[in-house]
Amino acid sequence: LKRMSVSREQRGRGLARALCREVLAFARARGYGAVVLSTSMVQVAAQRLYEGQGFRKVGTSYPSLLGTLLNFQIFHYRCDLGDGT
């Protein structure tokens, strides 16, 4: 999953949750085993959204040397899809 966002004016209406569910259903229907994504440590609302949809944090990294010096982390998430049953 790459670059999912909802415009500021449309937030709070459940669109991000619906988009996330649709991505997971799309991947599951096509036989994918998992969906993976990354978000930054400051995107707390995104972290809550993903965790609420069944994603689990599987790692962290730093985007650059400057990110390392500033302790700015990128969180990596994974949602295992199973066989859809």
PDB file of N, CA and C in Angstrom:
ATOM      1  N   LEU A   1       0.871  -1.168   0.000  1.00  0.00           N
ATOM      2  CA  LEU A   1       0.000   0.000   0.000  1.00  0.00           C
ATOM      3  C   LEU A   1       0.904   1.213   0.000  1.00  0.00           C
ATOM      4  N   LYS A   2       0.663   2.140  -0.910  1.00  0.00           N
ATOM      5  CA  LYS A   2       1.539   3.306  -1.009  1.00  0.00           C
ATOM      6  C   LYS A   2       0.711   4.569  -1.179  1.00  0.00           C
ATOM      7  N   ARG A   3       0.979   5.538  -0.317  1.00  0.00           N
ATOM      8  CA  ARG A   3       0.411   6.875  -0.415  1.00  0.00           C
ATOM      9  C   ARG A   3      -1.113   6.945  -0.327  1.00  0.00           C
ATOM     10  N   MET A   4      -1.676   6.370   0.694  1.00  0.00           N
ATOM     11  CA  MET A   4      -3.102   6.529   0.913  1.00  0.00           C
ATOM     12  C   MET A   4      -3.319   7.787   1.731  1.00  0.00           C
ATOM     13  N   SER A   5      -4.207   8.647   1.263  1.00  0.00           N
ATOM     14  CA  SER A   5      -4.536   9.832   2.047  1.00  0.00           C
ATOM     15  C   SER A   5      -5.943  10.299   1.700  1.00  0.00           C
ATOM     16  N   VAL A   6      -6.507  11.047   2.619  1.00  0.00           N
ATOM     17  CA  VAL A   6      -7.819  11.650   2.445  1.00  0.00           C
ATOM     18  C   VAL A   6      -7.635  13.147   2.666  1.00  0.00           C
ATOM     19  N   SER A   7      -8.241  13.955   1.809  1.00  0.00           N
ATOM     20  CA  SER A   7      -8.076  15.401   1.947  1.00  0.00           C
ATOM     21  C   SER A   7      -8.571  15.869   3.314  1.00  0.00           C
ATOM     22  N   ARG A   8      -7.951  16.883   3.807  1.00  0.00           N
ATOM     23  CA  ARG A   8      -8.268  17.416   5.138  1.00  0.00           C
ATOM     24  C   ARG A   8      -9.761  17.718   5.268  1.00  0.00           C
ATOM     25  N   GLU A   9     -10.373  18.239   4.214  1.00  0.00           N
ATOM     26  CA  GLU A   9     -11.792  18.599   4.266  1.00  0.00           C
ATOM     27  C   GLU A   9     -12.702  17.379   4.410  1.00  0.00           C
ATOM     28  N   GLN A  10     -12.238  16.221   3.991  1.00  0.00           N
ATOM     29  CA  GLN A  10     -13.066  15.009   4.002  1.00  0.00           C
ATOM     30  C   GLN A  10     -12.765  14.074   5.172  1.00  0.00           C
ATOM     31  N   ARG A  11     -11.833  14.440   6.011  1.00  0.00           N
ATOM     32  CA  ARG A  11     -11.462  13.572   7.132  1.00  0.00           C
ATOM     33  C   ARG A  11     -12.580  13.514   8.172  1.00  0.00           C
ATOM     34  N   GLY A  12     -12.585  12.410   8.917  1.00  0.00           N
ATOM     35  CA  GLY A  12     -13.581  12.243   9.971  1.00  0.00           C
ATOM     36  C   GLY A  12     -14.891  11.650   9.486  1.00  0.00           C
ATOM     37  N   ARG A  13     -14.937  11.219   8.239  1.00  0.00           N
ATOM     38  CA  ARG A  13     -16.161  10.666   7.664  1.00  0.00           C
ATOM     39  C   ARG A  13     -16.078   9.159   7.422  1.00  0.00           C
ATOM     40  N   GLY A  14     -14.979   8.538   7.855  1.00  0.00           N
ATOM     41  CA  GLY A  14     -14.825   7.099   7.686  1.00  0.00           C
ATOM     42  C   GLY A  14     -14.253   6.693   6.342  1.00  0.00           C
ATOM     43  N   LEU A  15     -13.822   7.654   5.534  1.00  0.00           N
ATOM     44  CA  LEU A  15     -13.294   7.340   4.206  1.00  0.00           C
ATOM     45  C   LEU A  15     -11.990   6.552   4.271  1.00  0.00           C
ATOM     46  N   ALA A  16     -11.102   6.915   5.168  1.00  0.00           N
ATOM     47  CA  ALA A  16      -9.823   6.205   5.274  1.00  0.00           C
ATOM     48  C   ALA A  16     -10.054   4.754   5.693  1.00  0.00           C
ATOM     49  N   ARG A  17     -10.964   4.543   6.649  1.00  0.00           N
ATOM     50  CA  ARG A  17     -11.276   3.162   7.046  1.00  0.00           C
ATOM     51  C   ARG A  17     -11.854   2.381   5.871  1.00  0.00           C
ATOM     52  N   ALA A  18     -12.759   3.009   5.119  1.00  0.00           N
ATOM     53  CA  ALA A  18     -13.359   2.332   3.963  1.00  0.00           C
ATOM     54  C   ALA A  18     -12.309   2.021   2.901  1.00  0.00           C
ATOM     55  N   LEU A  19     -11.403   2.959   2.641  1.00  0.00           N
ATOM     56  CA  LEU A  19     -10.327   2.725   1.676  1.00  0.00           C
ATOM     57  C   LEU A  19      -9.430   1.585   2.133  1.00  0.00           C
ATOM     58  N   CYS A  20      -9.108   1.574   3.392  1.00  0.00           N
ATOM     59  CA  CYS A  20      -8.243   0.519   3.930  1.00  0.00           C
ATOM     60  C   CYS A  20      -8.929  -0.842   3.807  1.00  0.00           C
ATOM     61  N   ARG A  21     -10.201  -0.918   4.171  1.00  0.00           N
ATOM     62  CA  ARG A  21     -10.945  -2.179   4.032  1.00  0.00           C
ATOM     63  C   ARG A  21     -10.973  -2.634   2.577  1.00  0.00           C
ATOM     64  N   GLU A  22     -11.155  -1.686   1.659  1.00  0.00           N
ATOM     65  CA  GLU A  22     -11.207  -2.021   0.232  1.00  0.00           C
ATOM     66  C   GLU A  22      -9.863  -2.561  -0.261  1.00  0.00           C
ATOM     67  N   VAL A  23      -8.774  -1.953   0.176  1.00  0.00           N
ATOM     68  CA  VAL A  23      -7.441  -2.440  -0.197  1.00  0.00           C
ATOM     69  C   VAL A  23      -7.243  -3.865   0.306  1.00  0.00           C
ATOM     70  N   LEU A  24      -7.624  -4.112   1.550  1.00  0.00           N
ATOM     71  CA  LEU A  24      -7.461  -5.452   2.112  1.00  0.00           C
ATOM     72  C   LEU A  24      -8.334  -6.468   1.380  1.00  0.00           C
ATOM     73  N   ALA A  25      -9.569  -6.105   1.060  1.00  0.00           N
ATOM     74  CA  ALA A  25     -10.462  -7.009   0.323  1.00  0.00           C
ATOM     75  C   ALA A  25      -9.925  -7.277  -1.079  1.00  0.00           C
ATOM     76  N   PHE A  26      -9.433  -6.241  -1.743  1.00  0.00           N
ATOM     77  CA  PHE A  26      -8.852  -6.362  -3.087  1.00  0.00           C
ATOM     78  C   PHE A  26      -7.682  -7.346  -3.071  1.00  0.00           C
ATOM     79  N   ALA A  27      -6.778  -7.170  -2.114  1.00  0.00           N
ATOM     80  CA  ALA A  27      -5.601  -8.038  -2.015  1.00  0.00           C
ATOM     81  C   ALA A  27      -6.008  -9.467  -1.670  1.00  0.00           C
ATOM     82  N   ARG A  28      -6.929  -9.599  -0.738  1.00  0.00           N
ATOM     83  CA  ARG A  28      -7.386 -10.934  -0.319  1.00  0.00           C
ATOM     84  C   ARG A  28      -8.030 -11.670  -1.500  1.00  0.00           C
ATOM     85  N   ALA A  29      -8.876 -10.973  -2.260  1.00  0.00           N
ATOM     86  CA  ALA A  29      -9.573 -11.589  -3.398  1.00  0.00           C
ATOM     87  C   ALA A  29      -8.610 -12.052  -4.476  1.00  0.00           C
ATOM     88  N   ARG A  30      -7.443 -11.470  -4.545  1.00  0.00           N
ATOM     89  CA  ARG A  30      -6.458 -11.834  -5.548  1.00  0.00           C
ATOM     90  C   ARG A  30      -5.399 -12.797  -5.016  1.00  0.00           C
ATOM     91  N   GLY A  31      -5.615 -13.280  -3.808  1.00  0.00           N
ATOM     92  CA  GLY A  31      -4.741 -14.311  -3.269  1.00  0.00           C
ATOM     93  C   GLY A  31      -3.466 -13.828  -2.610  1.00  0.00           C
ATOM     94  N   TYR A  32      -3.343 -12.527  -2.367  1.00  0.00           N
ATOM     95  CA  TYR A  32      -2.151 -12.043  -1.684  1.00  0.00           C
ATOM     96  C   TYR A  32      -2.167 -12.496  -0.235  1.00  0.00           C
ATOM     97  N   GLY A  33      -1.000 -12.737   0.304  1.00  0.00           N
ATOM     98  CA  GLY A  33      -0.898 -13.208   1.677  1.00  0.00           C
ATOM     99  C   GLY A  33      -0.848 -12.104   2.713  1.00  0.00           C
ATOM    100  N   ALA A  34      -0.458 -10.896   2.284  1.00  0.00           N
ATOM    101  CA  ALA A  34      -0.307  -9.801   3.237  1.00  0.00           C
ATOM    102  C   ALA A  34      -0.286  -8.470   2.500  1.00  0.00           C
ATOM    103  N   VAL A  35      -0.571  -7.426   3.250  1.00  0.00           N
ATOM    104  CA  VAL A  35      -0.388  -6.053   2.774  1.00  0.00           C
ATOM    105  C   VAL A  35       0.610  -5.412   3.724  1.00  0.00           C
ATOM    106  N   VAL A  36       1.587  -4.722   3.174  1.00  0.00           N
ATOM    107  CA  VAL A  36       2.594  -4.047   3.987  1.00  0.00           C
ATOM    108  C   VAL A  36       2.577  -2.560   3.678  1.00  0.00           C
ATOM    109  N   LEU A  37       2.963  -1.769   4.662  1.00  0.00           N
ATOM    110  CA  LEU A  37       3.012  -0.319   4.484  1.00  0.00           C
ATOM    111  C   LEU A  37       3.937   0.278   5.520  1.00  0.00           C
ATOM    112  N   SER A  38       4.247   1.537   5.342  1.00  0.00           N
ATOM    113  CA  SER A  38       5.081   2.277   6.287  1.00  0.00           C
ATOM    114  C   SER A  38       4.451   3.630   6.538  1.00  0.00           C
ATOM    115  N   THR A  39       4.665   4.157   7.720  1.00  0.00           N
ATOM    116  CA  THR A  39       4.222   5.497   8.066  1.00  0.00           C
ATOM    117  C   THR A  39       5.210   6.078   9.067  1.00  0.00           C
ATOM    118  N   SER A  40       5.232   7.377   9.183  1.00  0.00           N
ATOM    119  CA  SER A  40       6.201   7.999  10.084  1.00  0.00           C
ATOM    120  C   SER A  40       5.677   8.040  11.513  1.00  0.00           C
ATOM    121  N   MET A  41       6.583   8.258  12.423  1.00  0.00           N
ATOM    122  CA  MET A  41       6.249   8.291  13.840  1.00  0.00           C
ATOM    123  C   MET A  41       5.293   9.429  14.190  1.00  0.00           C
ATOM    124  N   VAL A  42       5.234  10.468  13.367  1.00  0.00           N
ATOM    125  CA  VAL A  42       4.351  11.596  13.671  1.00  0.00           C
ATOM    126  C   VAL A  42       2.927  11.389  13.155  1.00  0.00           C
ATOM    127  N   GLN A  43       2.715  10.379  12.352  1.00  0.00           N
ATOM    128  CA  GLN A  43       1.387  10.104  11.793  1.00  0.00           C
ATOM    129  C   GLN A  43       0.588   9.209  12.750  1.00  0.00           C
ATOM    130  N   VAL A  44       0.273   9.741  13.906  1.00  0.00           N
ATOM    131  CA  VAL A  44      -0.376   8.958  14.961  1.00  0.00           C
ATOM    132  C   VAL A  44      -1.765   8.494  14.530  1.00  0.00           C
ATOM    133  N   ALA A  45      -2.525   9.350  13.860  1.00  0.00           N
ATOM    134  CA  ALA A  45      -3.862   8.951  13.401  1.00  0.00           C
ATOM    135  C   ALA A  45      -3.765   7.802  12.407  1.00  0.00           C
ATOM    136  N   ALA A  46      -2.781   7.836  11.528  1.00  0.00           N
ATOM    137  CA  ALA A  46      -2.588   6.754  10.562  1.00  0.00           C
ATOM    138  C   ALA A  46      -2.221   5.462  11.286  1.00  0.00           C
ATOM    139  N   GLN A  47      -1.372   5.546  12.294  1.00  0.00           N
ATOM    140  CA  GLN A  47      -1.004   4.353  13.064  1.00  0.00           C
ATOM    141  C   GLN A  47      -2.237   3.735  13.701  1.00  0.00           C
ATOM    142  N   ARG A  48      -3.103   4.568  14.298  1.00  0.00           N
ATOM    143  CA  ARG A  48      -4.337   4.060  14.922  1.00  0.00           C
ATOM    144  C   ARG A  48      -5.243   3.417  13.874  1.00  0.00           C
ATOM    145  N   LEU A  49      -5.364   4.052  12.704  1.00  0.00           N
ATOM    146  CA  LEU A  49      -6.180   3.496  11.627  1.00  0.00           C
ATOM    147  C   LEU A  49      -5.675   2.118  11.240  1.00  0.00           C
ATOM    148  N   TYR A  50      -4.389   2.007  10.948  1.00  0.00           N
ATOM    149  CA  TYR A  50      -3.829   0.733  10.491  1.00  0.00           C
ATOM    150  C   TYR A  50      -3.959  -0.348  11.561  1.00  0.00           C
ATOM    151  N   GLU A  51      -3.642  -0.006  12.794  1.00  0.00           N
ATOM    152  CA  GLU A  51      -3.743  -0.994  13.867  1.00  0.00           C
ATOM    153  C   GLU A  51      -5.193  -1.427  14.065  1.00  0.00           C
ATOM    154  N   GLY A  52      -6.136  -0.521  13.901  1.00  0.00           N
ATOM    155  CA  GLY A  52      -7.550  -0.848  14.008  1.00  0.00           C
ATOM    156  C   GLY A  52      -8.048  -1.737  12.877  1.00  0.00           C
ATOM    157  N   GLN A  53      -7.320  -1.757  11.764  1.00  0.00           N
ATOM    158  CA  GLN A  53      -7.695  -2.585  10.622  1.00  0.00           C
ATOM    159  C   GLN A  53      -6.958  -3.924  10.616  1.00  0.00           C
ATOM    160  N   GLY A  54      -6.197  -4.188  11.670  1.00  0.00           N
ATOM    161  CA  GLY A  54      -5.534  -5.483  11.780  1.00  0.00           C
ATOM    162  C   GLY A  54      -4.062  -5.489  11.427  1.00  0.00           C
ATOM    163  N   PHE A  55      -3.501  -4.344  11.103  1.00  0.00           N
ATOM    164  CA  PHE A  55      -2.063  -4.278  10.835  1.00  0.00           C
ATOM    165  C   PHE A  55      -1.314  -4.352  12.157  1.00  0.00           C
ATOM    166  N   ARG A  56      -0.122  -4.927  12.113  1.00  0.00           N
ATOM    167  CA  ARG A  56       0.737  -4.946  13.291  1.00  0.00           C
ATOM    168  C   ARG A  56       2.091  -4.370  12.911  1.00  0.00           C
ATOM    169  N   LYS A  57       2.685  -3.671  13.856  1.00  0.00           N
ATOM    170  CA  LYS A  57       4.001  -3.074  13.622  1.00  0.00           C
ATOM    171  C   LYS A  57       5.031  -4.188  13.593  1.00  0.00           C
ATOM    172  N   VAL A  58       5.827  -4.224  12.522  1.00  0.00           N
ATOM    173  CA  VAL A  58       6.818  -5.289  12.366  1.00  0.00           C
ATOM    174  C   VAL A  58       8.253  -4.765  12.349  1.00  0.00           C
ATOM    175  N   GLY A  59       8.429  -3.461  12.425  1.00  0.00           N
ATOM    176  CA  GLY A  59       9.783  -2.932  12.437  1.00  0.00           C
ATOM    177  C   GLY A  59       9.808  -1.423  12.382  1.00  0.00           C
ATOM    178  N   THR A  60      10.996  -0.893  12.533  1.00  0.00           N
ATOM    179  CA  THR A  60      11.225   0.546  12.418  1.00  0.00           C
ATOM    180  C   THR A  60      12.509   0.771  11.635  1.00  0.00           C
ATOM    181  N   SER A  61      12.605   1.942  11.045  1.00  0.00           N
ATOM    182  CA  SER A  61      13.837   2.332  10.356  1.00  0.00           C
ATOM    183  C   SER A  61      13.936   3.846  10.389  1.00  0.00           C
ATOM    184  N   TYR A  62      15.057   4.345   9.894  1.00  0.00           N
ATOM    185  CA  TYR A  62      15.293   5.780   9.796  1.00  0.00           C
ATOM    186  C   TYR A  62      15.403   6.127   8.316  1.00  0.00           C
ATOM    187  N   PRO A  63      14.772   7.221   7.875  1.00  0.00           N
ATOM    188  CA  PRO A  63      14.765   7.532   6.448  1.00  0.00           C
ATOM    189  C   PRO A  63      16.096   8.045   5.904  1.00  0.00           C
ATOM    190  N   SER A  64      16.974   8.515   6.786  1.00  0.00           N
ATOM    191  CA  SER A  64      18.233   9.114   6.342  1.00  0.00           C
ATOM    192  C   SER A  64      19.156   9.274   7.544  1.00  0.00           C
ATOM    193  N   LEU A  65      20.368   9.718   7.283  1.00  0.00           N
ATOM    194  CA  LEU A  65      21.294  10.015   8.367  1.00  0.00           C
ATOM    195  C   LEU A  65      20.720  11.110   9.262  1.00  0.00           C
ATOM    196  N   LEU A  66      20.144  12.145   8.655  1.00  0.00           N
ATOM    197  CA  LEU A  66      19.529  13.213   9.445  1.00  0.00           C
ATOM    198  C   LEU A  66      18.389  12.652  10.291  1.00  0.00           C
ATOM    199  N   GLY A  67      17.577  11.767   9.696  1.00  0.00           N
ATOM    200  CA  GLY A  67      16.511  11.127  10.454  1.00  0.00           C
ATOM    201  C   GLY A  67      17.047  10.367  11.653  1.00  0.00           C
ATOM    202  N   THR A  68      18.174   9.704  11.468  1.00  0.00           N
ATOM    203  CA  THR A  68      18.810   8.976  12.569  1.00  0.00           C
ATOM    204  C   THR A  68      19.255   9.950  13.657  1.00  0.00           C
ATOM    205  N   LEU A  69      19.893  11.028  13.259  1.00  0.00           N
ATOM    206  CA  LEU A  69      20.368  12.016  14.232  1.00  0.00           C
ATOM    207  C   LEU A  69      19.218  12.651  15.002  1.00  0.00           C
ATOM    208  N   LEU A  70      18.073  12.825  14.326  1.00  0.00           N
ATOM    209  CA  LEU A  70      16.898  13.433  14.964  1.00  0.00           C
ATOM    210  C   LEU A  70      15.981  12.401  15.611  1.00  0.00           C
ATOM    211  N   ASN A  71      16.359  11.125  15.506  1.00  0.00           N
ATOM    212  CA  ASN A  71      15.538  10.016  16.010  1.00  0.00           C
ATOM    213  C   ASN A  71      14.140  10.040  15.379  1.00  0.00           C
ATOM    214  N   PHE A  72      14.074  10.323  14.088  1.00  0.00           N
ATOM    215  CA  PHE A  72      12.815  10.335  13.341  1.00  0.00           C
ATOM    216  C   PHE A  72      12.630   8.964  12.714  1.00  0.00           C
ATOM    217  N   GLN A  73      11.683   8.215  13.233  1.00  0.00           N
ATOM    218  CA  GLN A  73      11.507   6.833  12.816  1.00  0.00           C
ATOM    219  C   GLN A  73      10.374   6.655  11.809  1.00  0.00           C
ATOM    220  N   ILE A  74      10.556   5.655  10.984  1.00  0.00           N
ATOM    221  CA  ILE A  74       9.518   5.160  10.086  1.00  0.00           C
ATOM    222  C   ILE A  74       9.074   3.815  10.654  1.00  0.00           C
ATOM    223  N   PHE A  75       7.766   3.648  10.814  1.00  0.00           N
ATOM    224  CA  PHE A  75       7.219   2.397  11.330  1.00  0.00           C
ATOM    225  C   PHE A  75       6.726   1.556  10.167  1.00  0.00           C
ATOM    226  N   HIS A  76       7.039   0.280  10.198  1.00  0.00           N
ATOM    227  CA  HIS A  76       6.638  -0.655   9.151  1.00  0.00           C
ATOM    228  C   HIS A  76       5.538  -1.559   9.704  1.00  0.00           C
ATOM    229  N   TYR A  77       4.479  -1.702   8.915  1.00  0.00           N
ATOM    230  CA  TYR A  77       3.314  -2.478   9.328  1.00  0.00           C
ATOM    231  C   TYR A  77       3.032  -3.592   8.328  1.00  0.00           C
ATOM    232  N   ARG A  78       2.363  -4.629   8.828  1.00  0.00           N
ATOM    233  CA  ARG A  78       1.974  -5.762   7.987  1.00  0.00           C
ATOM    234  C   ARG A  78       0.604  -6.253   8.453  1.00  0.00           C
ATOM    235  N   CYS A  79      -0.245  -6.574   7.484  1.00  0.00           N
ATOM    236  CA  CYS A  79      -1.523  -7.197   7.780  1.00  0.00           C
ATOM    237  C   CYS A  79      -1.573  -8.525   7.036  1.00  0.00           C
ATOM    238  N   ASP A  80      -1.500  -9.630   7.768  1.00  0.00           N
ATOM    239  CA  ASP A  80      -1.593 -10.945   7.157  1.00  0.00           C
ATOM    240  C   ASP A  80      -3.046 -11.214   6.793  1.00  0.00           C
ATOM    241  N   LEU A  81      -3.269 -11.683   5.564  1.00  0.00           N
ATOM    242  CA  LEU A  81      -4.624 -11.833   5.058  1.00  0.00           C
ATOM    243  C   LEU A  81      -5.185 -13.235   5.225  1.00  0.00           C
ATOM    244  N   GLY A  82      -4.349 -14.215   5.404  1.00  0.00           N
ATOM    245  CA  GLY A  82      -4.851 -15.579   5.527  1.00  0.00           C
ATOM    246  C   GLY A  82      -5.449 -16.047   4.212  1.00  0.00           C
ATOM    247  N   ASP A  83      -6.325 -17.024   4.284  1.00  0.00           N
ATOM    248  CA  ASP A  83      -6.912 -17.565   3.061  1.00  0.00           C
ATOM    249  C   ASP A  83      -8.275 -16.976   2.743  1.00  0.00           C
ATOM    250  N   GLY A  84      -8.721 -15.973   3.527  1.00  0.00           N
ATOM    251  CA  GLY A  84      -9.985 -15.310   3.239  1.00  0.00           C
ATOM    252  C   GLY A  84     -11.206 -15.997   3.797  1.00  0.00           C
ATOM    253  N   THR A  85     -11.013 -17.087   4.544  1.00  0.00           N
ATOM    254  CA  THR A  85     -12.172 -17.788   5.113  1.00  0.00           C
ATOM    255  C   THR A  85     -12.338 -17.446   6.578  1.00  0.00           C
TER     256      THR A  85
END
